[in-house]
N, C-alpha and C. Protein backbone atom coordinates (compact mmCIF):
# COMPACT_ATOMS: atom_id res chain seq x y z
N MET A 1 0.83 -1.17 -0.09
CA MET A 1 0.23 0.13 -0.06
C MET A 1 0.91 1.16 0.03
N THR A 2 0.57 2.24 -1.00
CA THR A 2 1.25 3.52 -0.74
C THR A 2 0.40 4.48 -0.25
N ASP A 3 0.97 5.39 0.49
CA ASP A 3 0.46 6.64 1.19
C ASP A 3 1.11 7.78 0.59
N ALA A 4 -0.01 8.93 0.44
CA ALA A 4 0.32 10.30 -0.02
C ALA A 4 0.53 11.07 1.21
N ILE A 5 1.69 11.68 1.37
CA ILE A 5 1.93 12.58 2.54
C ILE A 5 2.18 13.96 2.34
N PRO A 6 1.22 14.97 2.63
CA PRO A 6 1.38 16.33 2.15
C PRO A 6 2.67 16.91 2.68
N ASP A 7 3.32 17.65 2.28
CA ASP A 7 4.60 18.22 3.00
C ASP A 7 4.11 19.63 3.44
N SER A 8 4.86 20.53 4.00
CA SER A 8 4.41 21.69 4.49
C SER A 8 3.71 22.59 3.62
N ASN A 9 4.14 22.66 2.48
CA ASN A 9 3.57 23.43 1.17
C ASN A 9 2.43 22.68 0.65
N ASP A 10 1.69 21.69 1.25
CA ASP A 10 0.57 21.00 0.91
C ASP A 10 0.84 20.29 -0.55
N ARG A 11 2.19 20.11 -0.73
CA ARG A 11 2.48 19.42 -2.13
C ARG A 11 2.39 17.96 -1.75
N GLY A 12 2.00 17.03 -2.27
CA GLY A 12 2.02 15.47 -1.99
C GLY A 12 3.22 15.02 -2.17
N ARG A 13 3.94 14.26 -1.07
CA ARG A 13 4.95 13.23 -1.41
C ARG A 13 4.62 11.87 -1.37
N ARG A 14 5.21 11.04 -1.75
CA ARG A 14 4.91 9.77 -2.08
C ARG A 14 5.89 8.84 -0.95
N ALA A 15 4.97 7.86 -0.35
CA ALA A 15 5.74 7.23 0.49
C ALA A 15 5.26 5.64 0.49
N THR A 16 5.91 4.73 0.86
CA THR A 16 5.36 3.26 1.07
C THR A 16 5.43 2.80 2.48
N PHE A 17 4.38 2.22 2.78
CA PHE A 17 4.26 1.63 4.13
C PHE A 17 4.96 0.18 4.18
N ARG A 18 6.18 -0.21 4.92
CA ARG A 18 6.75 -1.38 5.00
C ARG A 18 7.14 -1.53 6.35
N GLY A 19 6.71 -2.88 6.82
CA GLY A 19 7.39 -3.25 8.24
C GLY A 19 6.84 -2.36 9.36
N GLY A 20 5.66 -1.76 9.20
CA GLY A 20 5.00 -0.95 10.25
C GLY A 20 5.50 0.48 10.50
N HIS A 21 6.04 0.77 9.06
CA HIS A 21 6.90 2.22 9.01
C HIS A 21 6.35 2.99 7.91
N VAL A 22 6.35 3.96 7.50
CA VAL A 22 5.93 4.92 6.54
C VAL A 22 7.38 5.44 6.04
N LEU A 23 7.53 4.88 5.06
CA LEU A 23 9.09 5.19 4.49
C LEU A 23 9.03 6.17 3.06
N LEU A 24 9.43 7.56 3.22
CA LEU A 24 9.29 8.45 2.20
C LEU A 24 10.25 8.27 1.08
N ASP A 25 9.58 8.45 -0.03
CA ASP A 25 10.43 7.97 -1.22
C ASP A 25 11.65 8.87 -1.63
N GLY A 26 11.65 9.87 -0.92
CA GLY A 26 13.04 10.88 -1.13
C GLY A 26 13.04 11.81 -0.03
N PRO A 27 14.25 12.43 0.13
CA PRO A 27 14.49 13.43 1.01
C PRO A 27 13.63 14.74 1.08
N VAL A 28 13.23 15.14 2.39
CA VAL A 28 12.47 16.42 2.69
C VAL A 28 13.43 17.33 3.40
N ASP A 29 12.98 18.40 3.69
CA ASP A 29 13.35 19.68 4.16
C ASP A 29 12.60 20.16 5.14
N TRP A 30 12.16 19.48 6.13
CA TRP A 30 11.10 19.91 6.79
C TRP A 30 11.83 20.10 8.41
N PRO A 31 11.01 21.14 9.14
CA PRO A 31 11.75 21.47 10.22
C PRO A 31 11.19 20.15 11.34
N GLU A 32 12.05 20.02 12.44
CA GLU A 32 11.95 18.76 13.37
C GLU A 32 10.46 18.93 14.00
N GLY A 33 9.81 18.16 14.09
CA GLY A 33 8.29 18.02 14.69
C GLY A 33 7.17 18.30 13.72
N THR A 34 7.59 18.50 12.35
CA THR A 34 6.68 18.78 11.41
C THR A 34 5.47 17.78 11.51
N GLN A 35 4.14 18.02 11.68
CA GLN A 35 3.06 17.26 11.71
C GLN A 35 2.80 16.69 10.27
N LEU A 36 2.23 15.42 10.00
CA LEU A 36 2.08 14.77 8.89
C LEU A 36 0.62 14.43 8.82
N HIS A 37 0.01 14.29 7.87
CA HIS A 37 -1.33 13.71 7.49
C HIS A 37 -1.04 12.64 6.64
N VAL A 38 -1.29 11.07 6.96
CA VAL A 38 -1.12 10.11 6.14
C VAL A 38 -2.51 9.59 5.68
N TYR A 39 -2.62 9.62 4.12
CA TYR A 39 -3.78 8.94 3.61
C TYR A 39 -3.68 7.93 2.69
N PRO A 40 -4.25 6.55 3.14
CA PRO A 40 -3.84 5.57 2.33
C PRO A 40 -4.37 5.80 0.66
N VAL A 41 -3.48 5.27 -0.15
CA VAL A 41 -3.90 5.11 -1.58
C VAL A 41 -3.80 3.80 -1.98
N ALA A 42 -4.87 3.34 -2.71
CA ALA A 42 -4.64 1.80 -3.14
C ALA A 42 -3.58 1.82 -4.17
N ARG A 43 -3.17 0.63 -4.63
CA ARG A 43 -2.06 0.44 -5.48
C ARG A 43 -2.44 1.09 -7.18
N ASP A 44 -3.73 1.26 -7.29
CA ASP A 44 -4.40 1.74 -8.37
C ASP A 44 -4.19 3.37 -8.20
N GLY A 45 -3.40 3.78 -7.30
CA GLY A 45 -3.42 5.39 -6.97
C GLY A 45 -4.54 6.12 -6.63
N VAL A 46 -5.64 5.29 -6.63
CA VAL A 46 -7.02 6.33 -6.23
C VAL A 46 -6.87 6.31 -4.51
N GLN A 47 -7.33 7.36 -4.03
CA GLN A 47 -7.33 7.61 -2.83
C GLN A 47 -8.78 6.75 -2.21
N HIS A 48 -8.87 6.11 -1.32
CA HIS A 48 -9.95 5.39 -0.75
C HIS A 48 -10.08 6.09 0.72
N SER A 49 -10.91 7.10 0.84
CA SER A 49 -11.22 7.37 2.08
C SER A 49 -12.71 6.85 2.70
N LYS A 50 -13.52 6.43 1.92
CA LYS A 50 -14.91 6.26 2.24
C LYS A 50 -14.89 5.03 3.51
N VAL A 51 -15.64 5.20 4.46
CA VAL A 51 -15.65 4.10 5.40
C VAL A 51 -16.95 3.54 5.21
N ALA A 52 -16.98 2.28 5.46
CA ALA A 52 -18.38 1.38 5.34
C ALA A 52 -18.92 1.48 6.51
N GLY A 53 -19.81 2.14 6.92
CA GLY A 53 -20.55 2.14 8.09
C GLY A 53 -20.23 3.50 8.67
N HIS A 54 -21.26 3.80 9.71
CA HIS A 54 -21.14 5.06 10.42
C HIS A 54 -19.96 4.95 11.63
N ILE A 55 -19.75 6.27 12.17
CA ILE A 55 -18.60 6.22 13.05
C ILE A 55 -19.83 6.60 14.34
N ILE A 56 -19.39 5.87 15.54
CA ILE A 56 -20.07 6.25 16.92
C ILE A 56 -19.10 6.99 17.82
N VAL A 57 -19.46 7.94 18.19
CA VAL A 57 -18.28 8.97 19.01
C VAL A 57 -19.28 8.76 20.48
N ALA A 58 -18.40 8.14 21.46
CA ALA A 58 -18.98 8.08 23.05
C ALA A 58 -18.65 9.12 23.67
N GLY A 59 -19.42 10.16 24.11
CA GLY A 59 -18.87 11.29 24.86
C GLY A 59 -18.76 12.49 23.90
N PHE A 60 -19.16 13.59 24.22
CA PHE A 60 -19.13 14.90 23.75
C PHE A 60 -18.26 16.08 24.45
N GLY A 61 -17.50 15.65 25.18
CA GLY A 61 -16.56 16.56 25.83
C GLY A 61 -15.55 17.06 24.75
N LEU A 62 -14.24 17.52 25.10
CA LEU A 62 -13.38 18.02 24.18
C LEU A 62 -12.98 17.15 23.33
N ALA A 63 -12.54 15.88 23.83
CA ALA A 63 -12.16 15.00 22.79
C ALA A 63 -13.09 14.38 21.82
N GLY A 64 -14.41 14.28 22.28
CA GLY A 64 -15.44 13.86 21.44
C GLY A 64 -15.77 15.02 20.34
N ARG A 65 -15.70 16.27 20.93
CA ARG A 65 -15.92 17.28 19.90
C ARG A 65 -14.82 17.37 18.88
N TYR A 66 -13.82 17.16 19.15
CA TYR A 66 -12.41 17.10 18.33
C TYR A 66 -12.72 15.97 16.98
N VAL A 67 -13.21 14.75 17.69
CA VAL A 67 -13.38 13.67 16.72
C VAL A 67 -14.64 13.98 15.78
N VAL A 68 -15.61 14.69 16.42
CA VAL A 68 -16.77 14.72 15.48
C VAL A 68 -16.42 16.07 14.44
N ASP A 69 -15.57 16.98 14.88
CA ASP A 69 -15.44 17.99 13.88
C ASP A 69 -14.62 17.34 12.85
N LEU A 70 -13.48 16.58 13.08
CA LEU A 70 -12.80 15.64 12.17
C LEU A 70 -13.87 14.69 11.13
N VAL A 71 -14.78 14.08 11.68
CA VAL A 71 -15.92 13.28 10.86
C VAL A 71 -16.51 14.12 9.97
N GLU A 72 -17.21 15.30 10.63
CA GLU A 72 -17.95 16.01 9.92
C GLU A 72 -17.01 16.68 8.43
N GLN A 73 -15.97 17.15 8.79
CA GLN A 73 -14.93 17.67 7.70
C GLN A 73 -14.65 16.41 6.68
N ALA A 74 -14.82 15.21 7.08
CA ALA A 74 -14.50 14.15 6.17
C ALA A 74 -15.85 13.83 5.50
N GLU A 75 -17.02 14.33 6.07
CA GLU A 75 -18.40 14.25 5.37
C GLU A 75 -18.76 12.77 5.73
N LEU A 76 -18.49 12.34 6.81
CA LEU A 76 -18.94 10.95 6.99
C LEU A 76 -20.10 10.79 8.02
N PRO A 77 -20.92 9.68 8.00
CA PRO A 77 -21.81 9.71 9.06
C PRO A 77 -21.47 9.48 10.38
N TYR A 78 -22.06 9.70 11.26
CA TYR A 78 -21.48 9.53 12.78
C TYR A 78 -22.97 9.64 13.46
N VAL A 79 -22.68 8.99 14.75
CA VAL A 79 -23.71 9.12 15.71
C VAL A 79 -22.89 9.38 17.01
N VAL A 80 -23.27 10.33 17.83
CA VAL A 80 -22.68 10.67 19.15
C VAL A 80 -23.65 9.97 20.39
N ILE A 81 -22.76 9.52 21.30
CA ILE A 81 -23.59 8.79 22.58
C ILE A 81 -23.26 9.79 23.61
N GLU A 82 -24.14 10.48 24.50
CA GLU A 82 -23.78 11.29 25.46
C GLU A 82 -24.83 11.13 26.48
N LYS A 83 -24.10 11.12 27.77
CA LYS A 83 -25.16 11.02 29.15
C LYS A 83 -25.69 12.33 29.32
N ASN A 84 -25.21 13.40 29.17
CA ASN A 84 -25.55 14.76 29.66
C ASN A 84 -26.81 15.27 28.97
N ARG A 85 -27.90 15.25 29.29
CA ARG A 85 -29.19 15.47 28.68
C ARG A 85 -29.01 16.95 28.22
N ALA A 86 -28.62 17.79 29.02
CA ALA A 86 -28.57 19.21 28.33
C ALA A 86 -27.78 19.31 27.10
N THR A 87 -26.61 18.65 26.78
CA THR A 87 -25.83 18.47 25.89
C THR A 87 -26.49 17.89 24.72
N VAL A 88 -27.04 16.75 25.01
CA VAL A 88 -27.92 15.85 23.86
C VAL A 88 -28.99 16.70 23.32
N GLU A 89 -29.69 17.59 23.90
CA GLU A 89 -30.77 18.43 23.56
C GLU A 89 -30.30 19.68 22.73
N THR A 90 -28.95 20.29 23.24
CA THR A 90 -28.39 21.38 22.28
C THR A 90 -27.98 20.81 21.23
N GLN A 91 -27.38 19.58 21.17
CA GLN A 91 -26.80 19.23 19.90
C GLN A 91 -27.76 18.63 18.74
N ARG A 92 -28.72 18.17 19.28
CA ARG A 92 -30.05 17.72 18.63
C ARG A 92 -30.54 19.18 17.92
N ALA A 93 -30.53 20.11 18.86
CA ALA A 93 -31.15 21.40 18.15
C ALA A 93 -30.29 21.99 17.00
N LEU A 94 -28.98 21.64 17.09
CA LEU A 94 -27.95 21.99 16.02
C LEU A 94 -27.98 21.02 15.00
N GLY A 95 -28.65 20.07 14.91
CA GLY A 95 -28.85 19.19 13.88
C GLY A 95 -27.94 17.93 13.85
N ARG A 96 -27.24 17.72 14.98
CA ARG A 96 -26.35 16.40 15.05
C ARG A 96 -27.39 15.34 15.63
N ARG A 97 -26.78 14.08 15.03
CA ARG A 97 -27.44 12.82 15.73
C ARG A 97 -26.88 12.29 16.73
N ILE A 98 -27.49 12.43 17.86
CA ILE A 98 -27.14 12.06 19.25
C ILE A 98 -27.93 11.04 19.74
N VAL A 99 -27.35 10.45 20.62
CA VAL A 99 -28.31 9.12 21.48
C VAL A 99 -28.13 9.70 22.89
N ALA A 100 -28.97 9.69 23.61
CA ALA A 100 -28.93 9.76 24.96
C ALA A 100 -28.72 8.63 25.58
N GLY A 101 -27.58 8.36 26.62
CA GLY A 101 -27.43 7.10 27.30
C GLY A 101 -25.92 6.89 27.62
N ASN A 102 -25.97 5.63 28.34
CA ASN A 102 -24.62 5.17 28.71
C ASN A 102 -23.94 4.29 27.58
N VAL A 103 -22.95 4.41 27.23
CA VAL A 103 -22.38 3.79 26.01
C VAL A 103 -21.97 2.12 26.51
N ALA A 104 -21.98 2.02 27.90
CA ALA A 104 -21.56 0.78 28.22
C ALA A 104 -22.89 -0.25 28.48
N ASP A 105 -23.95 0.46 27.85
CA ASP A 105 -25.26 -0.29 27.91
C ASP A 105 -25.63 -0.86 26.42
N ALA A 106 -25.99 -2.23 26.37
CA ALA A 106 -26.37 -2.64 25.24
C ALA A 106 -27.60 -1.81 24.42
N GLU A 107 -28.61 -1.33 25.33
CA GLU A 107 -29.63 -0.70 24.80
C GLU A 107 -29.29 0.61 23.93
N THR A 108 -28.24 1.25 24.66
CA THR A 108 -27.72 2.52 24.10
C THR A 108 -26.95 2.14 22.88
N LEU A 109 -26.16 1.13 22.71
CA LEU A 109 -25.46 0.79 21.64
C LEU A 109 -26.19 0.52 20.31
N ASN A 110 -27.48 -0.06 20.88
CA ASN A 110 -28.33 -0.64 19.62
C ASN A 110 -29.14 0.67 19.16
N LYS A 111 -29.30 1.63 20.00
CA LYS A 111 -29.93 2.70 19.23
C LYS A 111 -29.10 3.59 18.42
N ALA A 112 -27.57 3.47 18.95
CA ALA A 112 -26.75 4.11 17.99
C ALA A 112 -26.26 3.05 16.71
N ARG A 113 -27.05 2.07 16.53
CA ARG A 113 -26.87 1.05 15.45
C ARG A 113 -25.49 0.55 15.41
N LEU A 114 -24.79 0.14 16.38
CA LEU A 114 -23.68 -0.51 16.58
C LEU A 114 -23.59 -1.46 15.59
N ASP A 115 -24.48 -2.31 15.37
CA ASP A 115 -24.29 -3.34 14.42
C ASP A 115 -23.93 -3.01 12.96
N GLU A 116 -24.32 -1.90 12.59
CA GLU A 116 -23.94 -1.24 11.19
C GLU A 116 -22.70 -0.29 11.29
N ALA A 117 -22.13 -0.14 12.61
CA ALA A 117 -21.08 0.81 12.59
C ALA A 117 -19.79 0.21 12.18
N ALA A 118 -18.91 1.28 11.89
CA ALA A 118 -17.38 0.70 11.44
C ALA A 118 -16.50 1.13 12.30
N ILE A 119 -16.61 2.03 13.08
CA ILE A 119 -15.91 2.71 13.94
C ILE A 119 -16.49 2.95 15.31
N LEU A 120 -16.00 2.91 16.62
CA LEU A 120 -16.49 3.24 17.98
C LEU A 120 -15.10 3.96 18.60
N ALA A 121 -15.34 5.26 18.79
CA ALA A 121 -14.34 6.12 19.35
C ALA A 121 -15.05 6.18 21.03
N LEU A 122 -14.23 5.80 21.63
CA LEU A 122 -14.56 5.91 23.12
C LEU A 122 -13.90 7.10 23.89
N THR A 123 -14.53 8.21 23.64
CA THR A 123 -13.49 9.50 24.19
C THR A 123 -14.02 9.86 25.53
N ILE A 124 -14.70 9.14 26.15
CA ILE A 124 -15.05 9.44 27.54
C ILE A 124 -13.97 9.26 28.70
N PRO A 125 -13.97 10.03 29.90
CA PRO A 125 -12.98 9.93 30.60
C PRO A 125 -13.00 8.78 31.65
N ASP A 126 -14.18 8.30 31.66
CA ASP A 126 -14.47 7.34 32.62
C ASP A 126 -13.95 5.91 32.28
N GLU A 127 -12.74 5.47 32.95
CA GLU A 127 -12.07 4.23 32.26
C GLU A 127 -12.94 2.88 32.46
N GLU A 128 -13.69 2.89 33.71
CA GLU A 128 -14.54 1.66 33.75
C GLU A 128 -15.44 1.52 33.01
N ALA A 129 -16.27 2.82 32.39
CA ALA A 129 -17.43 2.59 31.28
C ALA A 129 -16.67 2.30 30.09
N VAL A 130 -15.35 2.78 29.65
CA VAL A 130 -14.68 2.51 28.70
C VAL A 130 -14.38 1.11 28.33
N LEU A 131 -13.96 0.55 29.27
CA LEU A 131 -13.41 -1.32 29.51
C LEU A 131 -14.86 -2.05 29.32
N GLU A 132 -15.77 -1.50 30.04
CA GLU A 132 -17.24 -2.20 29.75
C GLU A 132 -17.45 -2.12 28.52
N ALA A 133 -17.68 -0.98 27.91
CA ALA A 133 -18.14 -0.62 26.38
C ALA A 133 -17.40 -1.31 25.28
N THR A 134 -15.98 -1.47 25.56
CA THR A 134 -15.13 -2.03 24.87
C THR A 134 -15.58 -3.60 24.79
N ALA A 135 -15.65 -4.23 25.86
CA ALA A 135 -16.06 -5.68 25.85
C ALA A 135 -17.29 -6.03 25.19
N LEU A 136 -18.47 -5.12 25.44
CA LEU A 136 -19.47 -5.38 25.07
C LEU A 136 -19.62 -5.08 23.65
N ALA A 137 -19.11 -4.07 23.39
CA ALA A 137 -19.05 -3.60 21.65
C ALA A 137 -18.52 -4.80 20.79
N ARG A 138 -17.28 -5.15 21.31
CA ARG A 138 -16.48 -6.49 20.63
C ARG A 138 -17.47 -7.48 20.63
N ARG A 139 -18.34 -7.85 21.87
CA ARG A 139 -19.01 -8.71 21.63
C ARG A 139 -20.30 -8.82 20.68
N LEU A 140 -20.84 -7.55 20.75
CA LEU A 140 -22.03 -7.18 19.68
C LEU A 140 -21.65 -7.20 18.31
N ASN A 141 -20.40 -6.53 18.17
CA ASN A 141 -20.13 -6.40 16.70
C ASN A 141 -18.51 -6.55 16.74
N PRO A 142 -18.02 -7.88 16.48
CA PRO A 142 -16.83 -8.30 16.40
C PRO A 142 -15.99 -7.71 15.21
N ASP A 143 -16.59 -6.92 14.39
CA ASP A 143 -15.93 -6.41 13.13
C ASP A 143 -15.55 -5.21 13.48
N ILE A 144 -16.17 -4.34 14.60
CA ILE A 144 -16.11 -2.91 14.42
C ILE A 144 -14.66 -2.65 15.14
N TYR A 145 -14.17 -1.40 14.52
CA TYR A 145 -12.70 -0.89 14.80
C TYR A 145 -13.01 0.00 16.16
N ILE A 146 -12.35 -0.35 17.08
CA ILE A 146 -12.56 0.19 18.57
C ILE A 146 -11.13 1.09 18.88
N ILE A 147 -11.56 2.57 19.15
CA ILE A 147 -10.47 3.18 19.79
C ILE A 147 -10.85 3.63 21.07
N ALA A 148 -10.19 3.39 22.10
CA ALA A 148 -10.48 3.79 23.34
C ALA A 148 -9.43 4.49 24.08
N ARG A 149 -10.23 5.52 24.76
CA ARG A 149 -9.31 6.42 25.79
C ARG A 149 -9.24 5.88 27.11
N THR A 150 -8.07 5.90 27.59
CA THR A 150 -7.78 5.67 29.16
C THR A 150 -6.88 6.52 29.91
N ASN A 151 -6.97 6.74 31.02
CA ASN A 151 -6.03 7.79 31.94
C ASN A 151 -4.57 7.18 32.08
N TYR A 152 -4.75 5.90 32.17
CA TYR A 152 -3.34 5.11 32.57
C TYR A 152 -2.97 3.85 31.81
N SER A 153 -1.62 3.72 31.46
CA SER A 153 -1.30 2.73 30.59
C SER A 153 -1.68 1.27 31.11
N SER A 154 -1.82 1.22 32.32
CA SER A 154 -2.34 -0.16 32.72
C SER A 154 -3.69 -0.45 32.52
N LYS A 155 -4.68 0.57 32.53
CA LYS A 155 -6.01 0.49 31.67
C LYS A 155 -6.23 0.19 30.37
N GLY A 156 -5.08 0.69 29.86
CA GLY A 156 -5.03 0.73 28.35
C GLY A 156 -4.71 -0.56 27.84
N MET A 157 -3.67 -1.23 28.55
CA MET A 157 -3.38 -2.47 28.36
C MET A 157 -4.52 -3.29 28.55
N ARG A 158 -5.59 -3.21 29.60
CA ARG A 158 -6.69 -3.95 29.75
C ARG A 158 -7.56 -3.80 28.55
N ALA A 159 -7.73 -2.54 28.18
CA ALA A 159 -8.69 -2.18 26.91
C ALA A 159 -8.34 -3.05 25.83
N SER A 160 -6.91 -3.11 25.62
CA SER A 160 -6.52 -3.83 24.50
C SER A 160 -6.89 -5.44 24.71
N GLN A 161 -6.64 -5.88 25.78
CA GLN A 161 -7.09 -7.18 25.99
C GLN A 161 -8.71 -7.42 25.81
N LEU A 162 -9.46 -6.48 26.16
CA LEU A 162 -10.89 -6.65 25.83
C LEU A 162 -11.34 -6.41 24.55
N GLY A 163 -10.63 -5.93 23.61
CA GLY A 163 -10.82 -5.75 22.27
C GLY A 163 -10.52 -4.57 21.50
N ALA A 164 -9.95 -3.58 22.28
CA ALA A 164 -9.66 -2.18 21.70
C ALA A 164 -8.71 -2.40 20.64
N ASP A 165 -8.81 -2.03 19.37
CA ASP A 165 -7.91 -1.98 18.39
C ASP A 165 -6.61 -0.78 18.56
N GLU A 166 -7.24 0.13 19.23
CA GLU A 166 -6.26 1.22 19.57
C GLU A 166 -6.67 2.06 20.80
N VAL A 167 -5.41 2.34 21.56
CA VAL A 167 -5.97 3.02 22.97
C VAL A 167 -4.84 4.25 22.94
N VAL A 168 -5.75 5.35 23.38
CA VAL A 168 -5.21 6.53 23.48
C VAL A 168 -5.07 6.65 25.19
N LYS A 169 -3.71 6.87 25.75
CA LYS A 169 -3.61 6.87 27.11
C LYS A 169 -3.14 8.03 27.44
N ALA A 170 -3.99 9.03 28.43
CA ALA A 170 -3.66 10.16 28.62
C ALA A 170 -2.23 10.41 29.20
N GLU A 171 -1.99 9.26 30.23
CA GLU A 171 -0.70 9.66 31.03
C GLU A 171 0.44 9.59 29.86
N GLN A 172 0.43 8.83 28.95
CA GLN A 172 1.55 8.88 27.73
C GLN A 172 1.37 10.15 26.98
N ALA A 173 0.25 10.69 26.64
CA ALA A 173 0.14 11.91 25.94
C ALA A 173 0.63 13.05 26.87
N VAL A 174 0.49 12.96 27.83
CA VAL A 174 1.03 14.17 29.12
C VAL A 174 2.60 13.98 28.92
N ALA A 175 2.95 12.62 28.97
CA ALA A 175 4.39 12.53 29.28
C ALA A 175 5.08 12.90 27.86
N VAL A 176 4.42 12.69 26.59
CA VAL A 176 5.11 13.14 25.46
C VAL A 176 4.85 14.74 25.40
N GLN A 177 3.87 15.45 25.83
CA GLN A 177 3.96 16.82 25.70
C GLN A 177 4.83 17.26 26.79
N PHE A 178 5.28 16.86 27.76
CA PHE A 178 6.37 17.28 28.82
C PHE A 178 7.61 17.21 28.08
N TYR A 179 7.87 15.95 27.55
CA TYR A 179 9.10 15.77 26.59
C TYR A 179 9.33 16.63 25.67
N GLU A 180 8.32 17.04 24.90
CA GLU A 180 8.50 17.79 23.61
C GLU A 180 8.86 19.46 24.12
N ARG A 181 7.93 19.78 25.23
CA ARG A 181 8.25 21.11 25.78
C ARG A 181 9.49 21.38 26.31
N LEU A 182 9.92 20.34 27.20
CA LEU A 182 11.04 20.48 27.72
C LEU A 182 12.23 20.29 26.77
N ARG A 183 12.35 19.49 25.62
CA ARG A 183 13.29 19.48 24.79
C ARG A 183 13.48 20.66 24.07
N ARG A 184 12.17 21.09 23.54
CA ARG A 184 12.41 22.43 22.90
C ARG A 184 13.06 23.58 23.96
N GLN A 185 12.60 23.74 24.89
CA GLN A 185 13.42 24.76 26.11
C GLN A 185 14.83 24.48 25.91
N LEU A 186 15.25 23.14 26.34
CA LEU A 186 16.67 22.76 26.31
C LEU A 186 17.29 23.17 25.09
N GLN A 187 16.71 22.91 24.01
CA GLN A 187 17.49 23.25 22.68
C GLN A 187 17.66 24.66 22.45
N ARG A 188 16.46 25.61 22.91
CA ARG A 188 16.81 27.16 22.90
C ARG A 188 17.96 27.49 23.85
N ARG A 189 17.89 26.97 25.01
CA ARG A 189 19.24 27.27 25.77
C ARG A 189 20.55 26.94 25.25
N SER A 190 20.51 25.75 24.74
CA SER A 190 21.77 25.53 24.03
C SER A 190 22.16 26.22 23.05
N ASP A 191 21.07 26.53 22.09
CA ASP A 191 21.50 27.46 20.96
C ASP A 191 21.86 28.71 21.44
N GLY A 192 21.19 29.38 22.50
CA GLY A 192 21.60 30.66 23.07
C GLY A 192 22.83 30.78 23.64
N ASN A 193 23.49 29.66 23.92
CA ASN A 193 24.88 29.73 24.78
C ASN A 193 25.76 29.56 23.78
């Protein structure tokens, strides 16, 4: 599979995915820390971004809103599951498809049409609910792609054991942010001396 990787000037670069790594087909002159977006392209050169089935986003806090923004930009179908009734009413009034309930409840997942969904993004901060929802969703729809959020690495490992395909671990994200900020500060001090 080949990936198109836009550079900082939005000109596409070609790359190949091998051995779990994206290998650029040529040298680049990007500054350290340049963010990349990778879009899979089939061997025939046509970009295939259509998701078969809708995306379920559990939670409409900050993480859930970011996910929904991304999904809306991609013009993909989605359903939000949210416990907060006021948020549900507000988002419905704005035209969003949203289901009130607990994501760790089979009835709520059925209302969100889990059986037809392609992706389940568990963005809620409640680790126990994430673990329960992961196990339940995997049992109800063995083919669904699950991205789970946990606070700690140990719970992240448990989410993987229960069937999450990917886990976003808050403590690791914080560690990376500290590392990057401290690295930049040390680099500035080193460059200034």
